Amino acid sequence: RPDDGHVFKGKKITYHDPCYLGRANEVYEAPRKVLESLDAQLSELK
């Protein structure tokens, strides 16, 4: 569970999909869900 005063709160974060994790094995949600737990500003790359 993220600590209340953690350093990523409100930070602008994006995620880069590795080819062998994403397109080759369709693991898209797990890393994004981890980032969603941070209370940060998440954006997707185009």
All heavy atoms as atom14 arrays in JSON, in Angstrom:
{
  "sequence": "RPDDGHVFKGKKITYHDPCYLGRANEVYEAPRKVLESLDAQLSELK",
  "atom14_mask": [
    [1, 1, 1, 1, 1, 1, 1, 1, 1, 1, 1, 0, 0, 0],
    [1, 1, 1, 1, 1, 1, 1, 0, 0, 0, 0, 0, 0, 0],
    [1, 1, 1, 1, 1, 1, 1, 1, 0, 0, 0, 0, 0, 0],
    [1, 1, 1, 1, 1, 1, 1, 1, 0, 0, 0, 0, 0, 0],
    [1, 1, 1, 1, 0, 0, 0, 0, 0, 0, 0, 0, 0, 0],
    [1, 1, 1, 1, 1, 1, 1, 1, 1, 1, 0, 0, 0, 0],
    [1, 1, 1, 1, 1, 1, 1, 0, 0, 0, 0, 0, 0, 0],
    [1, 1, 1, 1, 1, 1, 1, 1, 1, 1, 1, 0, 0, 0],
    [1, 1, 1, 1, 1, 1, 1, 1, 1, 0, 0, 0, 0, 0],
    [1, 1, 1, 1, 0, 0, 0, 0, 0, 0, 0, 0, 0, 0],
    [1, 1, 1, 1, 1, 1, 1, 1, 1, 0, 0, 0, 0, 0],
    [1, 1, 1, 1, 1, 1, 1, 1, 1, 0, 0, 0, 0, 0],
    [1, 1, 1, 1, 1, 1, 1, 1, 0, 0, 0, 0, 0, 0],
    [1, 1, 1, 1, 1, 1, 1, 0, 0, 0, 0, 0, 0, 0],
    [1, 1, 1, 1, 1, 1, 1, 1, 1, 1, 1, 1, 0, 0],
    [1, 1, 1, 1, 1, 1, 1, 1, 1, 1, 0, 0, 0, 0],
    [1, 1, 1, 1, 1, 1, 1, 1, 0, 0, 0, 0, 0, 0],
    [1, 1, 1, 1, 1, 1, 1, 0, 0, 0, 0, 0, 0, 0],
    [1, 1, 1, 1, 1, 1, 0, 0, 0, 0, 0, 0, 0, 0],
    [1, 1, 1, 1, 1, 1, 1, 1, 1, 1, 1, 1, 0, 0],
    [1, 1, 1, 1, 1, 1, 1, 1, 0, 0, 0, 0, 0, 0],
    [1, 1, 1, 1, 0, 0, 0, 0, 0, 0, 0, 0, 0, 0],
    [1, 1, 1, 1, 1, 1, 1, 1, 1, 1, 1, 0, 0, 0],
    [1, 1, 1, 1, 1, 0, 0, 0, 0, 0, 0, 0, 0, 0],
    [1, 1, 1, 1, 1, 1, 1, 1, 0, 0, 0, 0, 0, 0],
    [1, 1, 1, 1, 1, 1, 1, 1, 1, 0, 0, 0, 0, 0],
    [1, 1, 1, 1, 1, 1, 1, 0, 0, 0, 0, 0, 0, 0],
    [1, 1, 1, 1, 1, 1, 1, 1, 1, 1, 1, 1, 0, 0],
    [1, 1, 1, 1, 1, 1, 1, 1, 1, 0, 0, 0, 0, 0],
    [1, 1, 1, 1, 1, 0, 0, 0, 0, 0, 0, 0, 0, 0],
    [1, 1, 1, 1, 1, 1, 1, 0, 0, 0, 0, 0, 0, 0],
    [1, 1, 1, 1, 1, 1, 1, 1, 1, 1, 1, 0, 0, 0],
    [1, 1, 1, 1, 1, 1, 1, 1, 1, 0, 0, 0, 0, 0],
    [1, 1, 1, 1, 1, 1, 1, 0, 0, 0, 0, 0, 0, 0],
    [1, 1, 1, 1, 1, 1, 1, 1, 0, 0, 0, 0, 0, 0],
    [1, 1, 1, 1, 1, 1, 1, 1, 1, 0, 0, 0, 0, 0],
    [1, 1, 1, 1, 1, 1, 0, 0, 0, 0, 0, 0, 0, 0],
    [1, 1, 1, 1, 1, 1, 1, 1, 0, 0, 0, 0, 0, 0],
    [1, 1, 1, 1, 1, 1, 1, 1, 0, 0, 0, 0, 0, 0],
    [1, 1, 1, 1, 1, 0, 0, 0, 0, 0, 0, 0, 0, 0],
    [1, 1, 1, 1, 1, 1, 1, 1, 1, 0, 0, 0, 0, 0],
    [1, 1, 1, 1, 1, 1, 1, 1, 0, 0, 0, 0, 0, 0],
    [1, 1, 1, 1, 1, 1, 0, 0, 0, 0, 0, 0, 0, 0],
    [1, 1, 1, 1, 1, 1, 1, 1, 1, 0, 0, 0, 0, 0],
    [1, 1, 1, 1, 1, 1, 1, 1, 0, 0, 0, 0, 0, 0],
    [1, 1, 1, 1, 1, 1, 1, 1, 1, 0, 0, 0, 0, 0]
  ],
  "atom14_positions": [
    [[0.84, -1.19, 0.0], [0.0, 0.0, 0.0], [0.88, 1.24, 0.0], [1.7, 1.41, 0.9], [-0.9, -0.01, 1.25], [-2.06, 0.95, 1.16], [-3.05, 0.79, 2.31], [-3.87, -0.4, 2.19], [-3.8, -1.45, 3.03], [-2.93, -1.45, 4.01], [-4.58, -2.49, 2.87], [0.0, 0.0, 0.0], [0.0, 0.0, 0.0], [0.0, 0.0, 0.0]],
    [[0.73, 2.11, -1.0], [1.57, 3.31, -1.02], [1.46, 4.12, 0.27], [0.36, 4.27, 0.82], [1.02, 4.11, -2.22], [0.35, 3.09, -3.08], [-0.19, 2.07, -2.15], [0.0, 0.0, 0.0], [0.0, 0.0, 0.0], [0.0, 0.0, 0.0], [0.0, 0.0, 0.0], [0.0, 0.0, 0.0], [0.0, 0.0, 0.0], [0.0, 0.0, 0.0]],
    [[2.58, 4.61, 0.75], [2.65, 5.43, 1.95], [1.89, 6.75, 1.7], [1.88, 7.25, 0.59], [4.12, 5.72, 2.26], [4.33, 6.29, 3.63], [4.36, 5.51, 4.58], [4.45, 7.53, 3.75], [0.0, 0.0, 0.0], [0.0, 0.0, 0.0], [0.0, 0.0, 0.0], [0.0, 0.0, 0.0], [0.0, 0.0, 0.0], [0.0, 0.0, 0.0]],
    [[1.27, 7.29, 2.75], [0.47, 8.51, 2.59], [1.23, 9.67, 1.96], [0.72, 10.36, 1.1], [-0.1, 8.96, 3.95], [-1.27, 8.05, 4.35], [-1.77, 7.33, 3.47], [-1.65, 8.05, 5.54], [0.0, 0.0, 0.0], [0.0, 0.0, 0.0], [0.0, 0.0, 0.0], [0.0, 0.0, 0.0], [0.0, 0.0, 0.0], [0.0, 0.0, 0.0]],
    [[2.48, 9.86, 2.38], [3.23, 11.01, 1.86], [4.23, 10.65, 0.78], [5.3, 11.25, 0.71], [0.0, 0.0, 0.0], [0.0, 0.0, 0.0], [0.0, 0.0, 0.0], [0.0, 0.0, 0.0], [0.0, 0.0, 0.0], [0.0, 0.0, 0.0], [0.0, 0.0, 0.0], [0.0, 0.0, 0.0], [0.0, 0.0, 0.0], [0.0, 0.0, 0.0]],
    [[3.88, 9.67, -0.06], [4.88, 9.2, -1.05], [5.18, 10.25, -2.12], [4.37, 11.15, -2.39], [4.46, 7.85, -1.66], [3.31, 7.93, -2.61], [3.46, 8.36, -3.9], [2.0, 7.61, -2.46], [2.28, 8.3, -4.52], [1.39, 7.88, -3.67], [0.0, 0.0, 0.0], [0.0, 0.0, 0.0], [0.0, 0.0, 0.0], [0.0, 0.0, 0.0]],
    [[6.35, 10.1, -2.73], [6.9, 11.13, -3.64], [6.19, 11.24, -4.98], [6.42, 12.21, -5.7], [8.42, 10.9, -3.89], [9.22, 11.13, -2.64], [8.67, 9.5, -4.45], [0.0, 0.0, 0.0], [0.0, 0.0, 0.0], [0.0, 0.0, 0.0], [0.0, 0.0, 0.0], [0.0, 0.0, 0.0], [0.0, 0.0, 0.0], [0.0, 0.0, 0.0]],
    [[5.35, 10.28, -5.34], [4.75, 10.29, -6.69], [3.38, 10.95, -6.74], [2.8, 11.09, -7.81], [4.66, 8.86, -7.24], [6.0, 8.18, -7.32], [6.34, 7.19, -6.41], [6.94, 8.57, -8.27], [7.6, 6.58, -6.46], [8.19, 7.97, -8.32], [8.52, 6.97, -7.42], [0.0, 0.0, 0.0], [0.0, 0.0, 0.0], [0.0, 0.0, 0.0]],
    [[2.86, 11.35, -5.58], [1.53, 11.97, -5.54], [1.45, 13.19, -6.45], [2.26, 14.1, -6.34], [1.21, 12.39, -4.1], [0.12, 11.53, -3.52], [-0.41, 12.0, -2.21], [-1.37, 10.91, -1.72], [-1.45, 10.71, -0.36], [0.0, 0.0, 0.0], [0.0, 0.0, 0.0], [0.0, 0.0, 0.0], [0.0, 0.0, 0.0], [0.0, 0.0, 0.0]],
    [[0.48, 13.16, -7.35], [0.28, 14.32, -8.23], [1.29, 14.47, -9.36], [1.17, 15.37, -10.19], [0.0, 0.0, 0.0], [0.0, 0.0, 0.0], [0.0, 0.0, 0.0], [0.0, 0.0, 0.0], [0.0, 0.0, 0.0], [0.0, 0.0, 0.0], [0.0, 0.0, 0.0], [0.0, 0.0, 0.0], [0.0, 0.0, 0.0], [0.0, 0.0, 0.0]],
    [[2.27, 13.57, -9.42], [3.3, 13.67, -10.48], [2.72, 13.21, -11.81], [1.86, 12.33, -11.86], [4.51, 12.79, -10.12], [5.39, 13.37, -9.01], [6.5, 14.21, -9.59], [7.23, 15.02, -8.55], [8.17, 14.24, -7.77], [0.0, 0.0, 0.0], [0.0, 0.0, 0.0], [0.0, 0.0, 0.0], [0.0, 0.0, 0.0], [0.0, 0.0, 0.0]],
    [[3.26, 13.78, -12.9], [2.82, 13.37, -14.23], [3.64, 12.15, -14.66], [4.85, 12.25, -14.85], [3.03, 14.51, -15.23], [2.06, 15.66, -15.06], [2.3, 16.71, -16.12], [1.33, 17.88, -15.94], [1.68, 19.0, -16.8], [0.0, 0.0, 0.0], [0.0, 0.0, 0.0], [0.0, 0.0, 0.0], [0.0, 0.0, 0.0], [0.0, 0.0, 0.0]],
    [[2.96, 11.02, -14.8], [3.64, 9.77, -15.11], [3.06, 9.15, -16.38], [1.84, 9.13, -16.58], [3.51, 8.74, -13.95], [4.05, 9.33, -12.64], [4.24, 7.44, -14.28], [3.88, 8.41, -11.43], [0.0, 0.0, 0.0], [0.0, 0.0, 0.0], [0.0, 0.0, 0.0], [0.0, 0.0, 0.0], [0.0, 0.0, 0.0], [0.0, 0.0, 0.0]],
    [[3.94, 8.64, -17.24], [3.49, 7.87, -18.41], [4.19, 6.52, -18.38], [5.17, 6.34, -17.65], [3.75, 8.62, -19.73], [3.05, 7.95, -20.78], [5.24, 8.68, -20.07], [0.0, 0.0, 0.0], [0.0, 0.0, 0.0], [0.0, 0.0, 0.0], [0.0, 0.0, 0.0], [0.0, 0.0, 0.0], [0.0, 0.0, 0.0], [0.0, 0.0, 0.0]],
    [[3.66, 5.58, -19.15], [4.21, 4.21, -19.14], [4.56, 3.79, -20.56], [3.78, 3.99, -21.49], [3.19, 3.25, -18.53], [3.55, 1.78, -18.67], [4.65, 1.24, -18.01], [2.79, 0.94, -19.49], [4.99, -0.1, -18.16], [3.12, -0.4, -19.64], [4.22, -0.91, -18.97], [4.55, -2.24, -19.12], [0.0, 0.0, 0.0], [0.0, 0.0, 0.0]],
    [[5.75, 3.22, -20.71], [6.21, 2.71, -22.0], [6.01, 1.19, -22.03], [6.57, 0.49, -21.18], [7.69, 3.07, -22.2], [8.37, 2.27, -23.27], [8.21, 2.55, -24.62], [9.19, 1.19, -23.2], [8.92, 1.66, -25.32], [9.52, 0.83, -24.48], [0.0, 0.0, 0.0], [0.0, 0.0, 0.0], [0.0, 0.0, 0.0], [0.0, 0.0, 0.0]],
    [[5.23, 0.69, -22.98], [4.98, -0.76, -23.1], [6.19, -1.48, -23.7], [6.53, -1.22, -24.86], [3.78, -1.03, -24.02], [2.45, -0.73, -23.35], [2.04, -1.52, -22.5], [1.83, 0.3, -23.71], [0.0, 0.0, 0.0], [0.0, 0.0, 0.0], [0.0, 0.0, 0.0], [0.0, 0.0, 0.0], [0.0, 0.0, 0.0], [0.0, 0.0, 0.0]],
    [[6.83, -2.4, -22.97], [7.89, -3.2, -23.6], [7.26, -4.16, -24.61], [6.19, -4.71, -24.36], [8.49, -3.99, -22.43], [7.97, -3.35, -21.19], [6.66, -2.74, -21.55], [0.0, 0.0, 0.0], [0.0, 0.0, 0.0], [0.0, 0.0, 0.0], [0.0, 0.0, 0.0], [0.0, 0.0, 0.0], [0.0, 0.0, 0.0], [0.0, 0.0, 0.0]],
    [[7.92, -4.35, -25.75], [7.35, -5.18, -26.82], [7.03, -6.61, -26.36], [5.96, -7.13, -26.65], [8.31, -5.25, -28.01], [8.58, -3.67, -28.8], [0.0, 0.0, 0.0], [0.0, 0.0, 0.0], [0.0, 0.0, 0.0], [0.0, 0.0, 0.0], [0.0, 0.0, 0.0], [0.0, 0.0, 0.0], [0.0, 0.0, 0.0], [0.0, 0.0, 0.0]],
    [[7.98, -7.22, -25.64], [7.78, -8.63, -25.27], [6.8, -8.81, -24.12], [6.34, -9.92, -23.88], [9.12, -9.3, -24.95], [9.78, -9.83, -26.2], [10.89, -9.21, -26.75], [9.25, -10.93, -26.86], [11.47, -9.68, -27.92], [9.82, -11.41, -28.03], [10.92, -10.78, -28.55], [11.47, -11.25, -29.71], [0.0, 0.0, 0.0], [0.0, 0.0, 0.0]],
    [[6.48, -7.72, -23.43], [5.47, -7.81, -22.38], [4.1, -7.47, -22.97], [3.13, -8.19, -22.76], [5.8, -6.83, -21.24], [4.95, -6.99, -19.98], [5.17, -8.36, -19.35], [5.27, -5.89, -18.97], [0.0, 0.0, 0.0], [0.0, 0.0, 0.0], [0.0, 0.0, 0.0], [0.0, 0.0, 0.0], [0.0, 0.0, 0.0], [0.0, 0.0, 0.0]],
    [[4.08, -6.39, -23.75], [2.82, -5.93, -24.33], [2.38, -6.72, -25.54], [1.63, -7.68, -25.44], [0.0, 0.0, 0.0], [0.0, 0.0, 0.0], [0.0, 0.0, 0.0], [0.0, 0.0, 0.0], [0.0, 0.0, 0.0], [0.0, 0.0, 0.0], [0.0, 0.0, 0.0], [0.0, 0.0, 0.0], [0.0, 0.0, 0.0], [0.0, 0.0, 0.0]],
    [[2.91, -6.33, -26.7], [2.4, -6.93, -27.94], [2.61, -8.44, -28.02], [1.76, -9.16, -28.55], [3.05, -6.25, -29.14], [2.52, -4.85, -29.33], [3.14, -4.15, -30.51], [4.57, -3.96, -30.34], [5.36, -3.43, -31.27], [4.86, -3.07, -32.42], [6.64, -3.26, -31.05], [0.0, 0.0, 0.0], [0.0, 0.0, 0.0], [0.0, 0.0, 0.0]],
    [[3.72, -8.93, -27.49], [3.99, -10.38, -27.61], [3.2, -11.22, -26.61], [2.85, -12.36, -26.89], [5.48, -10.65, -27.44], [0.0, 0.0, 0.0], [0.0, 0.0, 0.0], [0.0, 0.0, 0.0], [0.0, 0.0, 0.0], [0.0, 0.0, 0.0], [0.0, 0.0, 0.0], [0.0, 0.0, 0.0], [0.0, 0.0, 0.0], [0.0, 0.0, 0.0]],
    [[2.89, -10.65, -25.43], [2.2, -11.45, -24.4], [0.95, -10.79, -23.84], [0.33, -11.32, -22.91], [3.18, -11.77, -23.26], [4.19, -12.82, -23.67], [3.87, -14.0, -23.76], [5.42, -12.39, -23.97], [0.0, 0.0, 0.0], [0.0, 0.0, 0.0], [0.0, 0.0, 0.0], [0.0, 0.0, 0.0], [0.0, 0.0, 0.0], [0.0, 0.0, 0.0]],
    [[0.6, -9.64, -24.4], [-0.64, -8.94, -24.05], [-0.79, -8.63, -22.56], [-1.89, -8.69, -22.0], [-1.87, -9.71, -24.58], [-1.84, -9.81, -26.1], [-3.1, -10.38, -26.69], [-3.83, -11.08, -25.97], [-3.35, -10.15, -27.88], [0.0, 0.0, 0.0], [0.0, 0.0, 0.0], [0.0, 0.0, 0.0], [0.0, 0.0, 0.0], [0.0, 0.0, 0.0]],
    [[0.33, -8.31, -21.91], [0.26, -7.86, -20.51], [0.27, -6.33, -20.56], [1.31, -5.7, -20.67], [1.45, -8.39, -19.67], [1.39, -7.85, -18.24], [1.47, -9.91, -19.68], [0.0, 0.0, 0.0], [0.0, 0.0, 0.0], [0.0, 0.0, 0.0], [0.0, 0.0, 0.0], [0.0, 0.0, 0.0], [0.0, 0.0, 0.0], [0.0, 0.0, 0.0]],
    [[-0.93, -5.77, -20.54], [-1.08, -4.31, -20.62], [-1.58, -3.72, -19.3], [-1.21, -2.61, -18.93], [-2.07, -3.92, -21.72], [-1.66, -4.33, -23.12], [-2.41, -5.22, -23.87], [-0.49, -3.8, -23.69], [-2.03, -5.59, -25.16], [-0.1, -4.16, -24.97], [-0.88, -5.05, -25.7], [-0.49, -5.41, -26.97], [0.0, 0.0, 0.0], [0.0, 0.0, 0.0]],
    [[-2.46, -4.47, -18.62], [-3.16, -3.89, -17.47], [-2.32, -3.86, -16.19], [-2.38, -2.87, -15.45], [-4.47, -4.65, -17.2], [-5.47, -4.58, -18.35], [-5.7, -3.16, -18.87], [-5.75, -2.22, -18.05], [-5.81, -2.98, -20.09], [0.0, 0.0, 0.0], [0.0, 0.0, 0.0], [0.0, 0.0, 0.0], [0.0, 0.0, 0.0], [0.0, 0.0, 0.0]],
    [[-1.56, -4.92, -15.92], [-0.84, -5.02, -14.63], [0.01, -3.79, -14.33], [-0.16, -3.15, -13.28], [-0.02, -6.3, -14.58], [0.0, 0.0, 0.0], [0.0, 0.0, 0.0], [0.0, 0.0, 0.0], [0.0, 0.0, 0.0], [0.0, 0.0, 0.0], [0.0, 0.0, 0.0], [0.0, 0.0, 0.0], [0.0, 0.0, 0.0], [0.0, 0.0, 0.0]],
    [[0.92, -3.39, -15.22], [1.74, -2.22, -14.9], [0.92, -0.94, -14.72], [1.22, -0.12, -13.85], [2.7, -2.09, -16.09], [2.21, -3.03, -17.13], [1.3, -4.01, -16.5], [0.0, 0.0, 0.0], [0.0, 0.0, 0.0], [0.0, 0.0, 0.0], [0.0, 0.0, 0.0], [0.0, 0.0, 0.0], [0.0, 0.0, 0.0], [0.0, 0.0, 0.0]],
    [[-0.13, -0.82, -15.5], [-0.97, 0.39, -15.4], [-1.74, 0.41, -14.09], [-1.91, 1.46, -13.47], [-1.94, 0.46, -16.6], [-1.23, 0.85, -17.89], [-2.13, 0.77, -19.11], [-1.48, 1.37, -20.28], [-0.6, 0.74, -21.06], [-0.28, -0.52, -20.8], [-0.04, 1.36, -22.08], [0.0, 0.0, 0.0], [0.0, 0.0, 0.0], [0.0, 0.0, 0.0]],
    [[-2.19, -0.75, -13.64], [-2.93, -0.82, -12.37], [-2.02, -0.47, -11.19], [-2.46, 0.14, -10.22], [-3.56, -2.2, -12.2], [-4.81, -2.35, -13.04], [-5.53, -3.65, -12.81], [-6.83, -3.71, -13.6], [-7.31, -5.07, -13.79], [0.0, 0.0, 0.0], [0.0, 0.0, 0.0], [0.0, 0.0, 0.0], [0.0, 0.0, 0.0], [0.0, 0.0, 0.0]],
    [[-0.76, -0.88, -11.3], [0.22, -0.53, -10.25], [0.35, 0.99, -10.18], [0.31, 1.59, -9.1], [1.6, -1.18, -10.51], [2.62, -0.7, -9.5], [1.5, -2.71, -10.47], [0.0, 0.0, 0.0], [0.0, 0.0, 0.0], [0.0, 0.0, 0.0], [0.0, 0.0, 0.0], [0.0, 0.0, 0.0], [0.0, 0.0, 0.0], [0.0, 0.0, 0.0]],
    [[0.45, 1.63, -11.34], [0.59, 3.1, -11.38], [-0.69, 3.79, -10.91], [-0.64, 4.85, -10.29], [0.97, 3.56, -12.8], [2.35, 3.12, -13.31], [2.52, 3.49, -14.77], [3.48, 3.73, -12.47], [0.0, 0.0, 0.0], [0.0, 0.0, 0.0], [0.0, 0.0, 0.0], [0.0, 0.0, 0.0], [0.0, 0.0, 0.0], [0.0, 0.0, 0.0]],
    [[-1.84, 3.17, -11.18], [-3.12, 3.75, -10.76], [-3.25, 3.84, -9.24], [-4.01, 4.67, -8.73], [-4.3, 2.94, -11.33], [-4.63, 3.3, -12.78], [-5.54, 2.27, -13.44], [-6.2, 1.49, -12.72], [-5.58, 2.25, -14.68], [0.0, 0.0, 0.0], [0.0, 0.0, 0.0], [0.0, 0.0, 0.0], [0.0, 0.0, 0.0], [0.0, 0.0, 0.0]],
    [[-2.49, 2.99, -8.54], [-2.59, 3.0, -7.06], [-1.85, 4.18, -6.44], [-1.87, 4.38, -5.23], [-2.02, 1.69, -6.5], [-0.6, 1.67, -6.64], [0.0, 0.0, 0.0], [0.0, 0.0, 0.0], [0.0, 0.0, 0.0], [0.0, 0.0, 0.0], [0.0, 0.0, 0.0], [0.0, 0.0, 0.0], [0.0, 0.0, 0.0], [0.0, 0.0, 0.0]],
    [[-1.18, 5.0, -7.27], [-0.29, 6.04, -6.76], [-0.92, 7.4, -6.52], [-0.29, 8.27, -5.94], [0.88, 6.24, -7.74], [1.84, 5.08, -7.93], [2.82, 5.41, -9.04], [2.58, 4.76, -6.64], [0.0, 0.0, 0.0], [0.0, 0.0, 0.0], [0.0, 0.0, 0.0], [0.0, 0.0, 0.0], [0.0, 0.0, 0.0], [0.0, 0.0, 0.0]],
    [[-2.14, 7.62, -7.04], [-2.75, 8.94, -6.93], [-1.91, 9.98, -7.67], [-1.63, 11.07, -7.17], [-2.9, 9.31, -5.44], [-3.87, 10.47, -5.24], [-4.61, 10.78, -6.2], [-3.87, 11.09, -4.16], [0.0, 0.0, 0.0], [0.0, 0.0, 0.0], [0.0, 0.0, 0.0], [0.0, 0.0, 0.0], [0.0, 0.0, 0.0], [0.0, 0.0, 0.0]],
    [[-1.45, 9.59, -8.86], [-0.62, 10.47, -9.69], [-1.43, 10.86, -10.93], [-2.54, 10.38, -11.15], [0.65, 9.74, -10.1], [0.0, 0.0, 0.0], [0.0, 0.0, 0.0], [0.0, 0.0, 0.0], [0.0, 0.0, 0.0], [0.0, 0.0, 0.0], [0.0, 0.0, 0.0], [0.0, 0.0, 0.0], [0.0, 0.0, 0.0], [0.0, 0.0, 0.0]],
    [[-0.87, 11.76, -11.75], [-1.52, 12.15, -13.02], [-0.96, 11.23, -14.11], [0.18, 11.39, -14.54], [-1.18, 13.59, -13.38], [-1.74, 14.64, -12.46], [-1.32, 16.02, -12.95], [-1.57, 16.4, -14.1], [-0.67, 16.77, -12.09], [0.0, 0.0, 0.0], [0.0, 0.0, 0.0], [0.0, 0.0, 0.0], [0.0, 0.0, 0.0], [0.0, 0.0, 0.0]],
    [[-1.76, 10.27, -14.54], [-1.29, 9.3, -15.53], [-1.71, 9.72, -16.93], [-2.84, 10.16, -17.14], [-1.84, 7.91, -15.23], [-1.54, 7.34, -13.83], [-2.13, 5.96, -13.7], [-0.04, 7.29, -13.57], [0.0, 0.0, 0.0], [0.0, 0.0, 0.0], [0.0, 0.0, 0.0], [0.0, 0.0, 0.0], [0.0, 0.0, 0.0], [0.0, 0.0, 0.0]],
    [[-0.78, 9.59, -17.87], [-1.15, 9.87, -19.27], [-0.56, 8.76, -20.15], [0.44, 8.15, -19.79], [-0.6, 11.23, -19.7], [0.81, 11.19, -19.77], [0.0, 0.0, 0.0], [0.0, 0.0, 0.0], [0.0, 0.0, 0.0], [0.0, 0.0, 0.0], [0.0, 0.0, 0.0], [0.0, 0.0, 0.0], [0.0, 0.0, 0.0], [0.0, 0.0, 0.0]],
    [[-1.23, 8.52, -21.27], [-0.74, 7.51, -22.21], [0.08, 8.17, -23.31], [-0.22, 9.29, -23.72], [-1.92, 6.76, -22.85], [-2.68, 5.84, -21.9], [-1.95, 4.53, -21.61], [-0.77, 4.38, -22.0], [-2.57, 3.67, -20.97], [0.0, 0.0, 0.0], [0.0, 0.0, 0.0], [0.0, 0.0, 0.0], [0.0, 0.0, 0.0], [0.0, 0.0, 0.0]],
    [[1.1, 7.46, -23.77], [1.86, 7.93, -24.93], [0.98, 7.74, -26.16], [0.1, 6.87, -26.17], [3.16, 7.13, -25.07], [4.15, 7.28, -23.9], [5.29, 6.29, -24.05], [4.7, 8.69, -23.84], [0.0, 0.0, 0.0], [0.0, 0.0, 0.0], [0.0, 0.0, 0.0], [0.0, 0.0, 0.0], [0.0, 0.0, 0.0], [0.0, 0.0, 0.0]],
    [[1.21, 8.53, -27.21], [0.32, 8.43, -28.38], [0.42, 7.05, -29.03], [-0.53, 6.58, -29.64], [0.61, 9.55, -29.39], [1.98, 9.52, -30.01], [2.17, 10.66, -31.0], [3.56, 10.62, -31.59], [3.83, 11.77, -32.45], [0.0, 0.0, 0.0], [0.0, 0.0, 0.0], [0.0, 0.0, 0.0], [0.0, 0.0, 0.0], [0.0, 0.0, 0.0]]
  ]
}
